[in-house]
Amino acid sequence: MLAKYGFVASDEGMDGDHITEIQFGGKDVLENLWPLDAGVNRGAGPTLAGATVTYPATGKSIKISDLKANARAYYFKIKNTL
């Protein structure tokens, strides 16, 4: 998708990365892509999938990869605490 704008990932050491990850409901559209360092991008997916979220109301924790298995049954919001 980005090649028509002159972006050649292999020449740049970059990947076309989804701003809102597909695994979190992001769309595979140009407006949801940006160039990101290839090493950072390729390491982020497994890191995110292995992350744990905690339900605020119950305190129950679950891995994001487990949520993905039942993606239509769960919704959650990522809160930036920085």
C-alpha atoms as a PDB file:
ATOM      1  CA  MET A   1       0.000   0.000   0.000  1.00  0.00           C
ATOM      2  CA  LEU A   2       2.810   2.421   0.781  1.00  0.00           C
ATOM      3  CA  ALA A   3       4.911   1.571  -2.306  1.00  0.00           C
ATOM      4  CA  LYS A   4       2.875   3.880  -4.531  1.00  0.00           C
ATOM      5  CA  TYR A   5       4.121   6.753  -2.339  1.00  0.00           C
ATOM      6  CA  GLY A   6       7.775   5.793  -2.839  1.00  0.00           C
ATOM      7  CA  PHE A   7       8.170   3.807   0.384  1.00  0.00           C
ATOM      8  CA  VAL A   8      10.404   0.773  -0.132  1.00  0.00           C
ATOM      9  CA  ALA A   9      10.652  -0.996   3.197  1.00  0.00           C
ATOM     10  CA  SER A  10      13.786  -2.996   2.337  1.00  0.00           C
ATOM     11  CA  ASP A  11      15.650   0.182   1.320  1.00  0.00           C
ATOM     12  CA  GLU A  12      14.661   2.026   4.478  1.00  0.00           C
ATOM     13  CA  GLY A  13      15.065  -0.691   7.132  1.00  0.00           C
ATOM     14  CA  MET A  14      11.451   0.024   7.955  1.00  0.00           C
ATOM     15  CA  ASP A  15       8.106  -1.740   7.823  1.00  0.00           C
ATOM     16  CA  GLY A  16       4.675  -0.402   7.091  1.00  0.00           C
ATOM     17  CA  ASP A  17       3.167  -0.718  10.574  1.00  0.00           C
ATOM     18  CA  HIS A  18      -0.437  -0.514  11.687  1.00  0.00           C
ATOM     19  CA  ILE A  19      -0.997   2.434  14.013  1.00  0.00           C
ATOM     20  CA  THR A  20      -3.924   0.626  15.636  1.00  0.00           C
ATOM     21  CA  GLU A  21      -2.930  -3.017  15.573  1.00  0.00           C
ATOM     22  CA  ILE A  22      -5.116  -5.425  13.595  1.00  0.00           C
ATOM     23  CA  GLN A  23      -5.222  -7.622  16.717  1.00  0.00           C
ATOM     24  CA  PHE A  24      -6.836  -4.679  18.547  1.00  0.00           C
ATOM     25  CA  GLY A  25      -9.419  -3.975  15.895  1.00  0.00           C
ATOM     26  CA  GLY A  26      -7.402  -1.749  13.560  1.00  0.00           C
ATOM     27  CA  LYS A  27      -8.151  -1.698   9.857  1.00  0.00           C
ATOM     28  CA  ASP A  28      -5.754  -2.697   7.084  1.00  0.00           C
ATOM     29  CA  VAL A  29      -6.061   0.664   5.310  1.00  0.00           C
ATOM     30  CA  LEU A  30      -3.558   3.351   4.325  1.00  0.00           C
ATOM     31  CA  GLU A  31      -4.826   5.754   6.984  1.00  0.00           C
ATOM     32  CA  ASN A  32      -3.841   3.203   9.641  1.00  0.00           C
ATOM     33  CA  LEU A  33      -0.226   2.727   8.451  1.00  0.00           C
ATOM     34  CA  TRP A  34       3.023   4.464   9.246  1.00  0.00           C
ATOM     35  CA  PRO A  35       6.698   3.586   8.703  1.00  0.00           C
ATOM     36  CA  LEU A  36       8.353   1.972  11.729  1.00  0.00           C
ATOM     37  CA  ASP A  37      11.817   0.503  12.256  1.00  0.00           C
ATOM     38  CA  ALA A  38      11.619  -3.124  11.085  1.00  0.00           C
ATOM     39  CA  GLY A  39      13.187  -4.592  14.237  1.00  0.00           C
ATOM     40  CA  VAL A  40      10.866  -2.686  16.529  1.00  0.00           C
ATOM     41  CA  ASN A  41       7.828  -3.612  14.462  1.00  0.00           C
ATOM     42  CA  ARG A  42       8.623  -7.311  14.230  1.00  0.00           C
ATOM     43  CA  GLY A  43       9.195  -7.590  17.972  1.00  0.00           C
ATOM     44  CA  ALA A  44       6.054  -5.694  18.979  1.00  0.00           C
ATOM     45  CA  GLY A  45       3.420  -8.236  17.881  1.00  0.00           C
ATOM     46  CA  PRO A  46       4.548 -11.090  20.135  1.00  0.00           C
ATOM     47  CA  THR A  47       5.151  -8.638  22.987  1.00  0.00           C
ATOM     48  CA  LEU A  48       1.611  -7.294  22.722  1.00  0.00           C
ATOM     49  CA  ALA A  49       0.072 -10.757  22.342  1.00  0.00           C
ATOM     50  CA  GLY A  50       1.857 -11.917  25.514  1.00  0.00           C
ATOM     51  CA  ALA A  51       0.834  -8.854  27.530  1.00  0.00           C
ATOM     52  CA  THR A  52      -1.735  -9.183  30.269  1.00  0.00           C
ATOM     53  CA  VAL A  53      -4.754  -6.958  30.818  1.00  0.00           C
ATOM     54  CA  THR A  54      -6.700  -6.639  34.046  1.00  0.00           C
ATOM     55  CA  TYR A  55     -10.433  -6.101  34.176  1.00  0.00           C
ATOM     56  CA  PRO A  56     -10.988  -3.001  36.345  1.00  0.00           C
ATOM     57  CA  ALA A  57     -14.273  -4.185  37.869  1.00  0.00           C
ATOM     58  CA  THR A  58     -13.164  -7.702  38.839  1.00  0.00           C
ATOM     59  CA  GLY A  59      -9.370  -7.540  38.989  1.00  0.00           C
ATOM     60  CA  LYS A  60      -9.234 -10.686  36.815  1.00  0.00           C
ATOM     61  CA  SER A  61      -6.175 -10.800  34.538  1.00  0.00           C
ATOM     62  CA  ILE A  62      -6.008 -12.420  31.105  1.00  0.00           C
ATOM     63  CA  LYS A  63      -3.452 -12.560  28.292  1.00  0.00           C
ATOM     64  CA  ILE A  64      -4.283 -10.586  25.177  1.00  0.00           C
ATOM     65  CA  SER A  65      -3.679 -13.705  23.075  1.00  0.00           C
ATOM     66  CA  ASP A  66      -6.497 -15.410  25.019  1.00  0.00           C
ATOM     67  CA  LEU A  67      -8.788 -12.452  24.378  1.00  0.00           C
ATOM     68  CA  LYS A  68      -8.088 -12.711  20.659  1.00  0.00           C
ATOM     69  CA  ALA A  69      -9.440 -16.257  20.609  1.00  0.00           C
ATOM     70  CA  ASN A  70     -12.839 -14.821  21.574  1.00  0.00           C
ATOM     71  CA  ALA A  71     -12.405 -11.383  20.021  1.00  0.00           C
ATOM     72  CA  ARG A  72     -16.104 -10.728  19.565  1.00  0.00           C
ATOM     73  CA  ALA A  73     -16.872 -11.538  23.202  1.00  0.00           C
ATOM     74  CA  TYR A  74     -14.481  -9.033  24.838  1.00  0.00           C
ATOM     75  CA  TYR A  75     -13.823  -5.327  24.588  1.00  0.00           C
ATOM     76  CA  PHE A  76     -11.204  -3.346  26.438  1.00  0.00           C
ATOM     77  CA  LYS A  77      -9.662   0.103  26.409  1.00  0.00           C
ATOM     78  CA  ILE A  78      -5.929   0.696  26.703  1.00  0.00           C
ATOM     79  CA  LYS A  79      -5.249   3.418  29.247  1.00  0.00           C
ATOM     80  CA  ASN A  80      -2.060   5.435  28.888  1.00  0.00           C
ATOM     81  CA  THR A  81      -0.556   5.853  32.334  1.00  0.00           C
ATOM     82  CA  LEU A  82       2.468   7.873  31.251  1.00  0.00           C
END
